[in-house]
């Protein structure tokens, strides 16, 4: 009996882990979206050729936000400033860096109403894709549980209870996704 319980627990552990990873990936994507305010996460995926090694900007410079729409990058090795500037330009983040020899400034432009609506659509698309991933996780978990029923590891009643537990977990994940979307939408649409 303990063996069967462990197998069922493994299904729920995998369900929870995969759901959390999907939501974490969505949070990362949301953090990188520009909402008209300076956001250091926009630089997370940008790497610089630094002495032959691809190095993330945040590992070779101080990144600060002195004003709401201004991001400054203070590179520790001033000889690498040109490389950092080139990497930012090549990344197509839509912001042109200004270099004064010591500091790189990124000025975030005000978002137009049209751009705000486009960003909201992107957020909703990302949320829908994450929900699809969550539903696929649900389907996989339920298939695993049904195989346990087929192999006589769990009874019909237990299967029904476990399916309700899976549904409860999935609904909680989808509610969290909806909350993230609502918060990001408010952030984007606030002028």
N, C-alpha and C. Protein backbone atom coordinates (compact mmCIF):
# COMPACT_ATOMS: atom_id res chain seq x y z
N UNK A 1 0.82 -1.20 0.00
CA UNK A 1 0.00 0.00 0.00
C UNK A 1 0.86 1.26 0.00
N UNK A 2 1.99 1.24 0.73
CA UNK A 2 2.86 2.41 0.80
C UNK A 2 3.44 2.73 -0.58
N UNK A 3 3.72 1.69 -1.36
CA UNK A 3 4.27 1.86 -2.71
C UNK A 3 3.29 2.65 -3.58
N UNK A 4 2.00 2.31 -3.49
CA UNK A 4 0.98 2.97 -4.29
C UNK A 4 0.84 4.44 -3.90
N UNK A 5 0.88 4.68 -2.61
CA UNK A 5 0.76 6.06 -2.13
C UNK A 5 1.93 6.89 -2.63
N UNK A 6 3.12 6.30 -2.62
CA UNK A 6 4.30 7.02 -3.10
C UNK A 6 4.16 7.38 -4.58
N UNK A 7 3.63 6.46 -5.38
CA UNK A 7 3.46 6.74 -6.80
C UNK A 7 2.48 7.88 -7.03
N UNK A 8 1.39 7.88 -6.27
CA UNK A 8 0.40 8.95 -6.39
C UNK A 8 1.02 10.28 -5.94
N UNK A 9 1.79 10.25 -4.85
CA UNK A 9 2.44 11.46 -4.37
C UNK A 9 3.42 12.00 -5.42
N UNK A 10 4.12 11.10 -6.11
CA UNK A 10 5.03 11.52 -7.17
C UNK A 10 4.29 12.24 -8.29
N UNK A 11 3.11 11.77 -8.63
CA UNK A 11 2.31 12.44 -9.66
C UNK A 11 1.97 13.85 -9.21
N UNK A 12 1.56 14.01 -7.95
CA UNK A 12 1.21 15.34 -7.45
C UNK A 12 2.43 16.24 -7.31
N UNK A 13 3.58 15.66 -6.91
CA UNK A 13 4.81 16.44 -6.83
C UNK A 13 5.20 16.96 -8.21
N UNK A 14 5.10 16.09 -9.21
CA UNK A 14 5.44 16.50 -10.58
C UNK A 14 4.47 17.57 -11.08
N UNK A 15 3.19 17.38 -10.78
CA UNK A 15 2.17 18.37 -11.15
C UNK A 15 2.52 19.73 -10.57
N UNK A 16 2.83 19.76 -9.29
CA UNK A 16 3.15 21.01 -8.61
C UNK A 16 4.43 21.63 -9.17
N UNK A 17 5.46 20.83 -9.36
CA UNK A 17 6.75 21.33 -9.86
C UNK A 17 6.61 21.90 -11.26
N UNK A 18 5.94 21.17 -12.14
CA UNK A 18 5.80 21.64 -13.52
C UNK A 18 4.93 22.88 -13.59
N UNK A 19 3.88 22.95 -12.76
CA UNK A 19 3.02 24.15 -12.72
C UNK A 19 3.82 25.36 -12.25
N UNK A 20 4.61 25.17 -11.18
CA UNK A 20 5.41 26.27 -10.66
C UNK A 20 6.43 26.76 -11.68
N UNK A 21 7.03 25.82 -12.43
CA UNK A 21 8.00 26.20 -13.45
C UNK A 21 7.33 27.00 -14.57
N UNK A 22 6.13 26.60 -14.97
CA UNK A 22 5.41 27.32 -16.02
C UNK A 22 5.08 28.74 -15.57
N UNK A 23 4.64 28.87 -14.33
CA UNK A 23 4.29 30.20 -13.81
C UNK A 23 5.55 31.04 -13.63
N UNK A 24 6.65 30.43 -13.19
CA UNK A 24 7.91 31.17 -13.04
C UNK A 24 8.40 31.67 -14.39
N UNK A 25 8.26 30.86 -15.43
CA UNK A 25 8.67 31.28 -16.78
C UNK A 25 7.81 32.46 -17.23
N UNK A 26 6.52 32.41 -16.92
CA UNK A 26 5.63 33.52 -17.28
C UNK A 26 6.03 34.79 -16.53
N UNK A 27 6.35 34.66 -15.24
CA UNK A 27 6.76 35.83 -14.45
C UNK A 27 8.03 36.46 -15.05
N UNK A 28 8.96 35.61 -15.48
CA UNK A 28 10.19 36.12 -16.09
C UNK A 28 9.89 36.89 -17.36
N UNK A 29 9.01 36.34 -18.19
CA UNK A 29 8.62 37.02 -19.43
C UNK A 29 7.92 38.35 -19.12
N UNK A 30 7.04 38.35 -18.13
CA UNK A 30 6.34 39.58 -17.77
C UNK A 30 7.30 40.64 -17.25
N UNK A 31 8.30 40.21 -16.48
CA UNK A 31 9.26 41.16 -15.92
C UNK A 31 10.07 41.84 -17.02
N UNK A 32 10.29 41.14 -18.12
CA UNK A 32 11.10 41.69 -19.21
C UNK A 32 10.30 42.62 -20.12
N UNK A 33 8.97 42.64 -19.97
CA UNK A 33 8.15 43.50 -20.83
C UNK A 33 8.26 44.95 -20.37
N UNK A 34 8.47 45.82 -21.35
CA UNK A 34 8.56 47.25 -21.05
C UNK A 34 7.16 47.81 -20.81
N UNK A 35 7.02 48.56 -19.76
CA UNK A 35 5.72 49.16 -19.46
C UNK A 35 5.84 50.68 -19.36
N UNK A 36 6.83 51.25 -20.06
CA UNK A 36 7.00 52.69 -20.02
C UNK A 36 7.84 53.16 -18.85
N UNK A 37 8.25 52.24 -18.00
CA UNK A 37 9.11 52.56 -16.87
C UNK A 37 10.43 51.84 -17.04
N UNK A 38 11.47 52.39 -16.45
CA UNK A 38 12.77 51.74 -16.48
C UNK A 38 12.66 50.40 -15.75
N UNK A 39 13.21 49.37 -16.35
CA UNK A 39 13.12 48.03 -15.80
C UNK A 39 14.44 47.31 -16.07
N UNK A 40 15.18 47.01 -15.02
CA UNK A 40 16.50 46.38 -15.18
C UNK A 40 16.40 44.99 -15.80
N UNK A 41 15.25 44.33 -15.69
CA UNK A 41 15.09 42.98 -16.25
C UNK A 41 15.17 42.96 -17.76
N UNK A 42 15.01 44.11 -18.38
CA UNK A 42 15.09 44.16 -19.84
C UNK A 42 16.49 43.79 -20.32
N UNK A 43 17.49 43.92 -19.43
CA UNK A 43 18.87 43.61 -19.78
C UNK A 43 19.27 42.18 -19.44
N UNK A 44 18.38 41.42 -18.81
CA UNK A 44 18.73 40.09 -18.31
C UNK A 44 19.25 39.14 -19.39
N UNK A 45 18.69 39.20 -20.59
CA UNK A 45 19.07 38.24 -21.63
C UNK A 45 20.18 38.75 -22.53
N UNK A 46 20.69 39.95 -22.25
CA UNK A 46 21.74 40.53 -23.09
C UNK A 46 23.10 40.14 -22.54
N UNK A 47 23.92 39.56 -23.43
CA UNK A 47 25.28 39.21 -23.04
C UNK A 47 26.26 40.03 -23.87
N UNK A 48 27.44 40.27 -23.30
CA UNK A 48 28.47 41.10 -23.92
C UNK A 48 29.71 40.24 -24.13
N UNK A 49 30.35 40.42 -25.29
CA UNK A 49 31.62 39.73 -25.53
C UNK A 49 32.69 40.44 -24.70
N UNK A 50 33.07 39.83 -23.60
CA UNK A 50 34.00 40.43 -22.65
C UNK A 50 35.22 39.53 -22.53
N UNK A 51 36.29 39.92 -23.19
CA UNK A 51 37.53 39.13 -23.26
C UNK A 51 37.26 37.70 -23.74
N UNK A 52 36.45 37.59 -24.80
CA UNK A 52 36.20 36.30 -25.42
C UNK A 52 35.11 35.46 -24.76
N UNK A 53 34.48 35.97 -23.71
CA UNK A 53 33.44 35.23 -23.00
C UNK A 53 32.14 36.03 -23.06
N UNK A 54 31.03 35.33 -23.34
CA UNK A 54 29.73 35.99 -23.32
C UNK A 54 29.32 36.18 -21.86
N UNK A 55 29.25 37.43 -21.41
CA UNK A 55 28.98 37.75 -20.02
C UNK A 55 27.71 38.59 -19.91
N UNK A 56 26.79 38.22 -19.00
CA UNK A 56 25.60 39.05 -18.80
C UNK A 56 26.00 40.44 -18.28
N UNK A 57 25.25 41.45 -18.69
CA UNK A 57 25.57 42.83 -18.30
C UNK A 57 25.55 42.98 -16.78
N UNK A 58 24.59 42.33 -16.12
CA UNK A 58 24.50 42.50 -14.66
C UNK A 58 25.67 41.87 -13.90
N UNK A 59 26.54 41.13 -14.61
CA UNK A 59 27.73 40.55 -13.96
C UNK A 59 28.98 41.36 -14.24
N UNK A 60 28.82 42.46 -14.97
CA UNK A 60 29.99 43.28 -15.27
C UNK A 60 29.74 44.78 -15.06
N UNK A 61 28.59 45.10 -14.48
CA UNK A 61 28.24 46.51 -14.27
C UNK A 61 27.20 46.66 -13.18
N UNK A 62 27.14 47.89 -12.64
CA UNK A 62 26.05 48.24 -11.72
C UNK A 62 24.92 48.81 -12.57
N UNK A 63 23.72 48.30 -12.35
CA UNK A 63 22.55 48.79 -13.07
C UNK A 63 21.67 49.48 -12.04
N UNK A 64 21.35 50.75 -12.31
CA UNK A 64 20.51 51.47 -11.36
C UNK A 64 19.41 52.24 -12.10
N UNK A 65 18.38 52.62 -11.35
CA UNK A 65 17.24 53.34 -11.91
C UNK A 65 17.08 54.63 -11.11
N UNK A 66 17.81 55.70 -11.52
CA UNK A 66 17.73 56.95 -10.77
C UNK A 66 16.40 57.69 -10.94
N UNK A 67 15.74 57.49 -12.08
CA UNK A 67 14.44 58.12 -12.33
C UNK A 67 13.50 57.06 -12.89
N UNK A 68 12.22 57.37 -12.93
CA UNK A 68 11.21 56.40 -13.36
C UNK A 68 11.45 55.89 -14.78
N UNK A 69 11.95 56.75 -15.67
CA UNK A 69 12.12 56.33 -17.06
C UNK A 69 13.59 56.32 -17.48
N UNK A 70 14.50 56.25 -16.53
CA UNK A 70 15.94 56.26 -16.84
C UNK A 70 16.63 55.09 -16.16
N UNK A 71 17.41 54.37 -16.95
CA UNK A 71 18.19 53.25 -16.43
C UNK A 71 19.65 53.59 -16.71
N UNK A 72 20.52 53.48 -15.71
CA UNK A 72 21.94 53.75 -15.93
C UNK A 72 22.74 52.48 -15.70
N UNK A 73 23.77 52.33 -16.54
CA UNK A 73 24.64 51.17 -16.46
C UNK A 73 26.05 51.70 -16.25
N UNK A 74 26.61 51.37 -15.10
CA UNK A 74 27.97 51.80 -14.77
C UNK A 74 28.88 50.58 -14.88
N UNK A 75 29.59 50.48 -16.00
CA UNK A 75 30.44 49.32 -16.27
C UNK A 75 31.70 49.44 -15.42
N UNK A 76 32.08 48.36 -14.75
CA UNK A 76 33.24 48.38 -13.86
C UNK A 76 34.53 48.56 -14.65
N UNK A 77 34.66 47.90 -15.78
CA UNK A 77 35.84 48.01 -16.63
C UNK A 77 35.47 48.97 -17.77
N UNK A 78 35.95 50.21 -17.68
CA UNK A 78 35.54 51.23 -18.65
C UNK A 78 35.96 50.88 -20.08
N UNK A 79 36.93 49.98 -20.25
CA UNK A 79 37.32 49.59 -21.61
C UNK A 79 36.23 48.74 -22.28
N UNK A 80 35.28 48.24 -21.51
CA UNK A 80 34.22 47.39 -22.06
C UNK A 80 32.93 48.16 -22.37
N UNK A 81 32.93 49.47 -22.14
CA UNK A 81 31.71 50.27 -22.34
C UNK A 81 31.22 50.16 -23.78
N UNK A 82 32.14 50.27 -24.74
CA UNK A 82 31.74 50.19 -26.16
C UNK A 82 31.09 48.84 -26.46
N UNK A 83 31.64 47.75 -25.91
CA UNK A 83 31.07 46.42 -26.14
C UNK A 83 29.67 46.30 -25.54
N UNK A 84 29.48 46.89 -24.36
CA UNK A 84 28.16 46.86 -23.72
C UNK A 84 27.16 47.63 -24.58
N UNK A 85 27.59 48.79 -25.07
CA UNK A 85 26.72 49.61 -25.92
C UNK A 85 26.35 48.85 -27.19
N UNK A 86 27.32 48.20 -27.81
CA UNK A 86 27.06 47.41 -29.04
C UNK A 86 26.08 46.27 -28.75
N UNK A 87 26.25 45.60 -27.62
CA UNK A 87 25.37 44.48 -27.26
C UNK A 87 23.94 44.96 -27.06
N UNK A 88 23.78 46.12 -26.45
CA UNK A 88 22.43 46.67 -26.23
C UNK A 88 21.79 47.03 -27.57
N UNK A 89 22.56 47.65 -28.44
CA UNK A 89 22.04 48.00 -29.77
C UNK A 89 21.66 46.74 -30.55
N UNK A 90 22.48 45.71 -30.47
CA UNK A 90 22.24 44.47 -31.22
C UNK A 90 21.06 43.67 -30.67
N UNK A 91 20.68 43.93 -29.42
CA UNK A 91 19.62 43.13 -28.78
C UNK A 91 18.21 43.53 -29.22
N UNK A 92 18.07 44.65 -29.91
CA UNK A 92 16.77 45.12 -30.39
C UNK A 92 15.74 45.29 -29.27
N UNK A 93 16.15 45.93 -28.18
CA UNK A 93 15.18 46.19 -27.10
C UNK A 93 14.37 47.45 -27.38
N UNK A 94 14.73 48.16 -28.46
CA UNK A 94 13.95 49.33 -28.85
C UNK A 94 14.37 50.61 -28.15
N UNK A 95 15.51 50.59 -27.48
CA UNK A 95 16.00 51.78 -26.79
C UNK A 95 17.45 51.99 -27.20
N UNK A 96 17.78 53.21 -27.61
CA UNK A 96 19.15 53.52 -28.02
C UNK A 96 19.94 53.97 -26.80
N UNK A 97 21.07 53.31 -26.53
CA UNK A 97 21.88 53.71 -25.36
C UNK A 97 22.64 55.01 -25.63
N UNK A 98 22.79 55.81 -24.59
CA UNK A 98 23.61 57.02 -24.67
C UNK A 98 24.84 56.81 -23.80
N UNK A 99 26.01 56.97 -24.40
CA UNK A 99 27.27 56.68 -23.75
C UNK A 99 28.04 57.98 -23.56
N UNK A 100 28.40 58.28 -22.30
CA UNK A 100 29.21 59.48 -22.06
C UNK A 100 30.66 59.13 -21.69
N UNK A 101 31.06 57.89 -21.92
CA UNK A 101 32.43 57.46 -21.62
C UNK A 101 32.56 56.80 -20.26
N UNK A 102 31.68 57.13 -19.33
CA UNK A 102 31.73 56.54 -17.99
C UNK A 102 30.45 55.77 -17.67
N UNK A 103 29.35 56.23 -18.25
CA UNK A 103 28.04 55.71 -17.90
C UNK A 103 27.22 55.53 -19.17
N UNK A 104 26.41 54.47 -19.19
CA UNK A 104 25.49 54.28 -20.31
C UNK A 104 24.09 54.56 -19.77
N UNK A 105 23.37 55.41 -20.48
CA UNK A 105 22.00 55.75 -20.06
C UNK A 105 21.01 55.19 -21.07
N UNK A 106 19.94 54.61 -20.55
CA UNK A 106 18.84 54.15 -21.39
C UNK A 106 17.60 54.93 -20.95
N UNK A 107 17.08 55.76 -21.85
CA UNK A 107 15.89 56.55 -21.55
C UNK A 107 14.69 55.82 -22.16
N UNK A 108 13.75 55.44 -21.32
CA UNK A 108 12.56 54.73 -21.76
C UNK A 108 11.53 55.75 -22.22
N UNK A 109 11.06 55.66 -23.46
CA UNK A 109 10.06 56.62 -23.95
C UNK A 109 8.69 56.34 -23.33
N UNK A 110 7.87 57.39 -23.31
CA UNK A 110 6.47 57.21 -22.87
C UNK A 110 5.77 56.28 -23.86
N UNK A 111 4.93 55.43 -23.35
CA UNK A 111 4.19 54.53 -24.23
C UNK A 111 2.96 55.24 -24.80
N UNK A 112 2.72 55.01 -26.07
CA UNK A 112 1.50 55.54 -26.68
C UNK A 112 0.35 54.61 -26.29
N UNK A 113 -0.87 55.11 -26.45
CA UNK A 113 -2.05 54.30 -26.13
C UNK A 113 -2.07 53.03 -26.98
N UNK A 114 -1.70 53.17 -28.24
CA UNK A 114 -1.69 52.02 -29.15
C UNK A 114 -0.67 50.97 -28.68
N UNK A 115 0.52 51.43 -28.27
CA UNK A 115 1.55 50.51 -27.80
C UNK A 115 1.12 49.83 -26.49
N UNK A 116 0.44 50.55 -25.64
CA UNK A 116 -0.07 49.97 -24.39
C UNK A 116 -1.04 48.82 -24.69
N UNK A 117 -1.97 49.08 -25.62
CA UNK A 117 -2.94 48.05 -25.98
C UNK A 117 -2.23 46.82 -26.60
N UNK A 118 -1.21 47.08 -27.39
CA UNK A 118 -0.45 45.98 -28.00
C UNK A 118 0.25 45.16 -26.91
N UNK A 119 0.83 45.84 -25.91
CA UNK A 119 1.48 45.13 -24.80
C UNK A 119 0.48 44.29 -24.01
N UNK A 120 -0.72 44.84 -23.80
CA UNK A 120 -1.76 44.09 -23.08
C UNK A 120 -2.12 42.82 -23.85
N UNK A 121 -2.21 42.94 -25.18
CA UNK A 121 -2.50 41.76 -26.01
C UNK A 121 -1.38 40.72 -25.87
N UNK A 122 -0.13 41.19 -25.85
CA UNK A 122 1.00 40.27 -25.68
C UNK A 122 0.95 39.57 -24.33
N UNK A 123 0.57 40.32 -23.30
CA UNK A 123 0.45 39.74 -21.95
C UNK A 123 -0.63 38.66 -21.95
N UNK A 124 -1.77 38.96 -22.58
CA UNK A 124 -2.86 37.99 -22.61
C UNK A 124 -2.49 36.75 -23.41
N UNK A 125 -1.74 36.93 -24.51
CA UNK A 125 -1.28 35.79 -25.30
C UNK A 125 -0.34 34.92 -24.47
N UNK A 126 0.59 35.57 -23.76
CA UNK A 126 1.51 34.84 -22.90
C UNK A 126 0.73 34.07 -21.83
N UNK A 127 -0.28 34.70 -21.25
CA UNK A 127 -1.09 34.04 -20.22
C UNK A 127 -1.81 32.84 -20.80
N UNK A 128 -2.37 32.99 -21.98
CA UNK A 128 -3.10 31.88 -22.60
C UNK A 128 -2.16 30.72 -22.90
N UNK A 129 -0.96 31.02 -23.38
CA UNK A 129 0.02 29.96 -23.65
C UNK A 129 0.42 29.24 -22.36
N UNK A 130 0.54 30.00 -21.28
CA UNK A 130 0.87 29.39 -19.98
C UNK A 130 -0.28 28.53 -19.49
N UNK A 131 -1.51 28.99 -19.69
CA UNK A 131 -2.68 28.19 -19.29
C UNK A 131 -2.74 26.88 -20.09
N UNK A 132 -2.40 26.95 -21.36
CA UNK A 132 -2.38 25.73 -22.18
C UNK A 132 -1.34 24.76 -21.62
N UNK A 133 -0.18 25.28 -21.25
CA UNK A 133 0.85 24.42 -20.66
C UNK A 133 0.35 23.79 -19.36
N UNK A 134 -0.35 24.58 -18.54
CA UNK A 134 -0.90 24.08 -17.27
C UNK A 134 -1.94 22.98 -17.55
N UNK A 135 -2.78 23.20 -18.55
CA UNK A 135 -3.79 22.19 -18.88
C UNK A 135 -3.15 20.90 -19.39
N UNK A 136 -2.06 21.03 -20.11
CA UNK A 136 -1.32 19.84 -20.56
C UNK A 136 -0.74 19.08 -19.37
N UNK A 137 -0.30 19.82 -18.37
CA UNK A 137 0.21 19.20 -17.14
C UNK A 137 -0.92 18.44 -16.45
N UNK A 138 -2.10 19.06 -16.43
CA UNK A 138 -3.27 18.40 -15.83
C UNK A 138 -3.58 17.09 -16.57
N UNK A 139 -3.61 17.17 -17.89
CA UNK A 139 -3.93 15.99 -18.69
C UNK A 139 -2.92 14.86 -18.41
N UNK A 140 -1.66 15.22 -18.35
CA UNK A 140 -0.61 14.23 -18.07
C UNK A 140 -0.80 13.59 -16.70
N UNK A 141 -1.11 14.41 -15.69
CA UNK A 141 -1.31 13.88 -14.33
C UNK A 141 -2.52 12.95 -14.28
N UNK A 142 -3.60 13.35 -14.93
CA UNK A 142 -4.80 12.51 -14.92
C UNK A 142 -4.56 11.20 -15.67
N UNK A 143 -3.80 11.26 -16.77
CA UNK A 143 -3.46 10.03 -17.49
C UNK A 143 -2.66 9.08 -16.61
N UNK A 144 -1.71 9.64 -15.85
CA UNK A 144 -0.91 8.82 -14.94
C UNK A 144 -1.81 8.17 -13.88
N UNK A 145 -2.73 8.95 -13.33
CA UNK A 145 -3.63 8.42 -12.30
C UNK A 145 -4.54 7.33 -12.89
N UNK A 146 -5.01 7.54 -14.12
CA UNK A 146 -5.87 6.54 -14.75
C UNK A 146 -5.09 5.25 -15.03
N UNK A 147 -3.80 5.38 -15.32
CA UNK A 147 -3.00 4.16 -15.53
C UNK A 147 -2.86 3.39 -14.21
N UNK A 148 -2.85 4.13 -13.08
CA UNK A 148 -2.82 3.46 -11.78
C UNK A 148 -4.11 2.69 -11.55
N UNK A 149 -5.23 3.28 -11.98
CA UNK A 149 -6.52 2.59 -11.85
C UNK A 149 -6.52 1.35 -12.72
N UNK A 150 -6.00 1.48 -13.93
CA UNK A 150 -5.95 0.36 -14.87
C UNK A 150 -5.09 -0.78 -14.30
N UNK A 151 -4.01 -0.40 -13.62
CA UNK A 151 -3.11 -1.40 -13.03
C UNK A 151 -3.56 -1.84 -11.64
N UNK A 152 -4.76 -1.43 -11.25
CA UNK A 152 -5.37 -1.77 -9.95
C UNK A 152 -4.55 -1.27 -8.76
N UNK A 153 -3.86 -0.15 -8.95
CA UNK A 153 -3.11 0.45 -7.84
C UNK A 153 -4.04 1.31 -7.00
N UNK A 154 -5.01 1.98 -7.67
CA UNK A 154 -6.00 2.78 -6.95
C UNK A 154 -7.40 2.32 -7.36
N UNK A 155 -8.36 2.60 -6.48
CA UNK A 155 -9.75 2.23 -6.78
C UNK A 155 -10.43 3.36 -7.55
N UNK A 156 -11.63 3.09 -8.02
CA UNK A 156 -12.40 4.09 -8.76
C UNK A 156 -12.68 5.33 -7.89
N UNK A 157 -13.02 5.10 -6.62
CA UNK A 157 -13.30 6.21 -5.70
C UNK A 157 -12.06 7.05 -5.46
N UNK A 158 -10.91 6.37 -5.27
CA UNK A 158 -9.67 7.09 -5.05
C UNK A 158 -9.30 7.90 -6.29
N UNK A 159 -9.49 7.29 -7.45
CA UNK A 159 -9.21 7.99 -8.71
C UNK A 159 -10.04 9.26 -8.81
N UNK A 160 -11.31 9.16 -8.48
CA UNK A 160 -12.19 10.32 -8.53
C UNK A 160 -11.71 11.41 -7.57
N UNK A 161 -11.32 11.02 -6.38
CA UNK A 161 -10.81 11.98 -5.38
C UNK A 161 -9.52 12.63 -5.88
N UNK A 162 -8.61 11.82 -6.45
CA UNK A 162 -7.34 12.35 -6.94
C UNK A 162 -7.56 13.31 -8.12
N UNK A 163 -8.51 12.98 -8.99
CA UNK A 163 -8.81 13.86 -10.12
C UNK A 163 -9.32 15.21 -9.62
N UNK A 164 -10.14 15.20 -8.56
CA UNK A 164 -10.64 16.46 -7.99
C UNK A 164 -9.48 17.26 -7.39
N UNK A 165 -8.52 16.55 -6.76
CA UNK A 165 -7.35 17.23 -6.19
C UNK A 165 -6.50 17.86 -7.30
N UNK A 166 -6.34 17.13 -8.40
CA UNK A 166 -5.59 17.66 -9.54
C UNK A 166 -6.28 18.93 -10.05
N UNK A 167 -7.59 18.84 -10.21
CA UNK A 167 -8.37 19.98 -10.70
C UNK A 167 -8.23 21.19 -9.77
N UNK A 168 -8.23 20.93 -8.45
CA UNK A 168 -8.08 22.01 -7.47
C UNK A 168 -6.71 22.69 -7.63
N UNK A 169 -5.66 21.88 -7.80
CA UNK A 169 -4.32 22.43 -8.00
C UNK A 169 -4.24 23.25 -9.28
N UNK A 170 -4.82 22.74 -10.34
CA UNK A 170 -4.78 23.42 -11.64
C UNK A 170 -5.56 24.73 -11.57
N UNK A 171 -6.72 24.71 -10.94
CA UNK A 171 -7.52 25.93 -10.80
C UNK A 171 -6.76 27.01 -10.01
N UNK A 172 -6.01 26.59 -8.99
CA UNK A 172 -5.21 27.54 -8.21
C UNK A 172 -4.12 28.15 -9.10
N UNK A 173 -3.49 27.34 -9.94
CA UNK A 173 -2.46 27.84 -10.85
C UNK A 173 -3.05 28.82 -11.86
N UNK A 174 -4.19 28.50 -12.39
CA UNK A 174 -4.83 29.38 -13.39
C UNK A 174 -5.27 30.69 -12.73
N UNK A 175 -5.73 30.62 -11.49
CA UNK A 175 -6.11 31.84 -10.76
C UNK A 175 -4.87 32.72 -10.55
N UNK A 176 -3.74 32.10 -10.25
CA UNK A 176 -2.50 32.86 -10.08
C UNK A 176 -2.09 33.54 -11.39
N UNK A 177 -2.24 32.82 -12.50
CA UNK A 177 -1.94 33.40 -13.81
C UNK A 177 -2.85 34.60 -14.08
N UNK A 178 -4.14 34.45 -13.79
CA UNK A 178 -5.09 35.54 -14.00
C UNK A 178 -4.73 36.77 -13.16
N UNK A 179 -4.28 36.53 -11.92
CA UNK A 179 -3.87 37.65 -11.05
C UNK A 179 -2.64 38.35 -11.62
N UNK A 180 -1.68 37.58 -12.13
CA UNK A 180 -0.48 38.16 -12.72
C UNK A 180 -0.86 39.03 -13.93
N UNK A 181 -1.77 38.53 -14.75
CA UNK A 181 -2.21 39.28 -15.93
C UNK A 181 -2.90 40.58 -15.52
N UNK A 182 -3.77 40.50 -14.55
CA UNK A 182 -4.49 41.69 -14.09
C UNK A 182 -3.51 42.75 -13.57
N UNK A 183 -2.53 42.32 -12.77
CA UNK A 183 -1.54 43.25 -12.22
C UNK A 183 -0.72 43.89 -13.34
N UNK A 184 -0.26 43.08 -14.29
CA UNK A 184 0.56 43.60 -15.38
C UNK A 184 -0.25 44.54 -16.27
N UNK A 185 -1.51 44.21 -16.49
CA UNK A 185 -2.39 45.05 -17.30
C UNK A 185 -2.56 46.42 -16.64
N UNK A 186 -2.76 46.43 -15.33
CA UNK A 186 -2.87 47.71 -14.59
C UNK A 186 -1.58 48.51 -14.72
N UNK A 187 -0.44 47.82 -14.59
CA UNK A 187 0.86 48.49 -14.69
C UNK A 187 1.04 49.11 -16.08
N UNK A 188 0.68 48.38 -17.12
CA UNK A 188 0.86 48.87 -18.48
C UNK A 188 -0.09 50.03 -18.79
N UNK A 189 -1.33 49.92 -18.37
CA UNK A 189 -2.33 50.93 -18.74
C UNK A 189 -2.27 52.19 -17.88
N UNK A 190 -1.55 52.15 -16.74
CA UNK A 190 -1.44 53.36 -15.91
C UNK A 190 -0.51 54.34 -16.60
N UNK A 191 -0.94 55.57 -16.69
CA UNK A 191 -0.17 56.59 -17.42
C UNK A 191 0.73 57.33 -16.47
